[in-house]
Amino acid sequence: MRPRWAAVALVLRDGDVLLVRRAARPGDPWSGDWAFPGGFGHAEDRDPPATARRETEEEVGLRLGPDRGRLPARWIVDPWRRRPVRLVPVLFRAPRGEPHPDPAEVAEARWVPLSVLQDPTRRGHQWRLVRGVLPWRADVRRLDDGVVWGLTGRMLDDLRATAAVVELT
């Protein structure tokens, strides 16, 4: 079985990163979670940056320019098809304008200071349910009205470790 791929956009502006809170959808394990804009690759997407651009425009109406690099790819499992998916985080400089979420996909979008996401006093743990039954202790970053956790949190760690942040912010 051939693995699929997906991409997320890490959009940076003046020391902030764009986060979206996913809309609630039945069967979606990431409903309501804070994350980066992005999604599964489509046949018309020539590469992960094209997917990240398309998904960002669909989700929050921002047209992204050329990508500024990538962070290490991660493997996830497609919750609907139970297949492996290669997730590619792609770095972008923010375009002009503000995000305007499509409510079918995104409940909210906001610029969050990287300093808040990297603040050790906002880090902690939270019990999450995997597939609705198996408790899992997840590392979290606390926002004022929610948490960033899981793969998004690990990608933030990767972002912090890269020198690209200095060039993009």
Protein backbone atom coordinates (compact mmCIF):
# COMPACT_ATOMS: atom_id res chain seq x y z
CA MET A 1 0.00 0.00 0.00
CA ARG A 2 1.51 3.34 -1.11
CA PRO A 3 1.75 5.97 1.66
CA ARG A 4 0.05 9.35 1.19
CA TRP A 5 1.51 12.70 2.07
CA ALA A 6 0.25 15.87 3.69
CA ALA A 7 1.75 19.28 4.39
CA VAL A 8 1.33 22.07 6.91
CA ALA A 9 2.34 25.72 6.60
CA LEU A 10 4.39 27.29 9.36
CA VAL A 11 3.66 30.91 8.52
CA LEU A 12 5.91 33.34 10.40
CA ARG A 13 5.53 37.08 10.92
CA ASP A 14 7.43 39.41 13.29
CA GLY A 15 8.14 36.72 15.89
CA ASP A 16 4.65 35.19 15.61
CA VAL A 17 3.39 31.99 14.00
CA LEU A 18 -0.07 31.43 12.52
CA LEU A 19 -2.18 28.83 14.33
CA VAL A 20 -5.68 27.68 13.46
CA ARG A 21 -8.24 25.99 15.66
CA ARG A 22 -9.80 23.24 13.58
CA ALA A 23 -13.55 23.20 13.12
CA ALA A 24 -15.45 20.41 14.87
CA ARG A 25 -16.27 17.55 12.51
CA PRO A 26 -17.63 14.09 13.39
CA GLY A 27 -14.95 11.41 13.22
CA ASP A 28 -12.10 13.92 12.98
CA PRO A 29 -9.61 13.18 15.76
CA TRP A 30 -8.18 16.72 15.48
CA SER A 31 -11.50 18.57 15.78
CA GLY A 32 -11.11 21.71 17.86
CA ASP A 33 -7.34 21.35 18.16
CA TRP A 34 -4.88 24.19 17.60
CA ALA A 35 -2.62 23.38 14.66
CA PHE A 36 -0.90 24.80 11.59
CA PRO A 37 -2.94 25.26 8.41
CA GLY A 38 -2.58 22.28 6.12
CA GLY A 39 -3.94 18.98 4.97
CA PHE A 40 -3.64 16.04 2.62
CA GLY A 41 -1.99 16.35 -0.78
CA HIS A 42 -4.22 16.32 -3.86
CA ALA A 43 -3.42 15.02 -7.33
CA GLU A 44 -3.00 18.60 -8.62
CA ASP A 45 -0.40 19.44 -5.94
CA ARG A 46 3.05 19.03 -7.42
CA ASP A 47 4.84 18.96 -4.05
CA PRO A 48 4.32 19.54 -0.29
CA PRO A 49 4.78 23.35 -0.55
CA ALA A 50 1.97 23.44 -3.14
CA THR A 51 -0.27 21.53 -0.75
CA ALA A 52 0.60 23.84 2.14
CA ARG A 53 -0.14 26.90 -0.02
CA ARG A 54 -3.46 25.52 -1.32
CA GLU A 55 -4.63 24.42 2.13
CA THR A 56 -3.67 27.75 3.74
CA GLU A 57 -5.60 29.68 1.10
CA GLU A 58 -8.63 27.38 1.49
CA GLU A 59 -8.57 27.47 5.30
CA VAL A 60 -7.71 31.11 6.05
CA GLY A 61 -7.63 32.97 2.73
CA LEU A 62 -3.91 33.81 2.79
CA ARG A 63 -1.95 33.43 -0.46
CA LEU A 64 1.55 32.31 0.44
CA GLY A 65 4.61 33.08 -1.65
CA PRO A 66 7.65 30.89 -2.13
CA ASP A 67 8.50 28.52 0.66
CA ARG A 68 11.53 29.22 2.86
CA GLY A 69 12.43 25.64 3.63
CA ARG A 70 11.12 22.57 5.37
CA LEU A 71 11.35 21.00 8.78
CA PRO A 72 11.84 17.24 9.21
CA ALA A 73 8.96 15.18 7.85
CA ARG A 74 6.86 13.15 10.30
CA TRP A 75 4.73 10.05 9.89
CA ILE A 76 1.09 10.00 10.95
CA VAL A 77 -1.79 7.61 10.35
CA ASP A 78 -4.74 8.74 8.22
CA PRO A 79 -7.63 8.22 10.67
CA TRP A 80 -10.15 7.52 7.90
CA ARG A 81 -8.15 5.08 5.78
CA ARG A 82 -5.79 3.75 8.49
CA ARG A 83 -2.82 4.29 6.16
CA PRO A 84 0.55 5.91 6.84
CA VAL A 85 0.90 9.55 5.78
CA ARG A 86 4.14 11.49 5.44
CA LEU A 87 3.56 14.97 6.90
CA VAL A 88 5.88 17.72 5.63
CA PRO A 89 6.10 21.02 7.57
CA VAL A 90 6.89 23.88 5.18
CA LEU A 91 8.14 27.32 6.26
CA PHE A 92 6.70 30.53 4.81
CA ARG A 93 7.02 34.26 5.44
CA ALA A 94 3.58 35.77 6.09
CA PRO A 95 1.98 37.66 3.23
CA ARG A 96 0.23 40.99 3.76
CA GLY A 97 -3.25 40.80 5.17
CA GLU A 98 -4.95 38.97 7.96
CA PRO A 99 -6.35 35.43 8.00
CA HIS A 100 -10.07 35.02 7.35
CA PRO A 101 -11.07 31.50 8.43
CA ASP A 102 -13.43 29.39 6.37
CA PRO A 103 -15.83 28.19 9.11
CA ALA A 104 -16.26 24.82 7.38
CA GLU A 105 -12.59 24.10 8.07
CA VAL A 106 -11.32 26.49 10.73
CA ALA A 107 -13.08 27.82 13.83
CA GLU A 108 -10.44 30.48 14.50
CA ALA A 109 -7.05 31.69 13.29
CA ARG A 110 -4.57 33.83 15.16
CA TRP A 111 -0.97 34.97 15.31
CA VAL A 112 0.69 33.52 18.42
CA PRO A 113 4.05 34.81 19.65
CA LEU A 114 6.74 32.16 19.42
CA SER A 115 7.90 33.39 22.84
CA VAL A 116 4.57 32.23 24.32
CA LEU A 117 4.85 28.82 22.66
CA GLN A 118 8.44 28.44 23.89
CA ASP A 119 7.80 29.70 27.43
CA PRO A 120 8.68 26.85 29.83
CA THR A 121 6.05 28.04 32.33
CA ARG A 122 3.35 27.28 29.73
CA ARG A 123 4.52 23.70 29.19
CA GLY A 124 2.97 20.77 30.91
CA HIS A 125 1.08 17.50 30.43
CA GLN A 126 -2.51 16.56 29.80
CA TRP A 127 -4.24 13.22 29.53
CA ARG A 128 -5.74 12.66 26.08
CA LEU A 129 -7.83 9.76 24.81
CA VAL A 130 -6.53 7.89 21.79
CA ARG A 131 -9.36 6.47 19.68
CA GLY A 132 -11.67 7.55 22.48
CA VAL A 133 -10.49 4.92 24.97
CA LEU A 134 -6.74 4.64 25.53
CA PRO A 135 -5.43 7.36 27.90
CA TRP A 136 -2.21 8.98 26.73
CA ARG A 137 -0.07 11.54 28.59
CA ALA A 138 0.61 14.30 26.07
CA ASP A 139 3.08 17.16 26.29
CA VAL A 140 1.20 20.44 25.89
CA ARG A 141 1.81 24.16 25.53
CA ARG A 142 -0.91 26.16 27.23
CA LEU A 143 -2.53 29.04 25.42
CA ASP A 144 -4.95 31.31 27.25
CA ASP A 145 -7.88 29.33 25.82
CA GLY A 146 -6.58 25.90 24.88
CA VAL A 147 -3.47 23.86 24.29
CA VAL A 148 -1.09 23.02 21.49
CA TRP A 149 -0.08 19.39 21.66
CA GLY A 150 1.02 16.34 19.68
CA LEU A 151 2.62 16.73 16.30
CA THR A 152 2.09 20.50 16.28
CA GLY A 153 4.09 20.75 19.50
CA ARG A 154 6.87 18.56 18.12
CA MET A 155 7.04 20.68 14.96
CA LEU A 156 7.36 23.77 17.18
CA ASP A 157 10.35 22.07 18.84
CA ASP A 158 11.83 21.45 15.39
CA LEU A 159 11.19 25.08 14.46
CA ARG A 160 12.96 26.30 17.57
CA ALA A 161 15.96 24.15 16.71
CA THR A 162 16.36 25.59 13.22
CA ALA A 163 18.21 28.74 12.26
CA ALA A 164 15.48 29.49 9.69
CA VAL A 165 13.44 31.19 12.41
CA VAL A 166 16.00 33.99 12.61
CA GLU A 167 15.72 34.63 8.87
CA LEU A 168 11.91 34.56 8.76
CA THR A 169 10.91 36.59 11.81
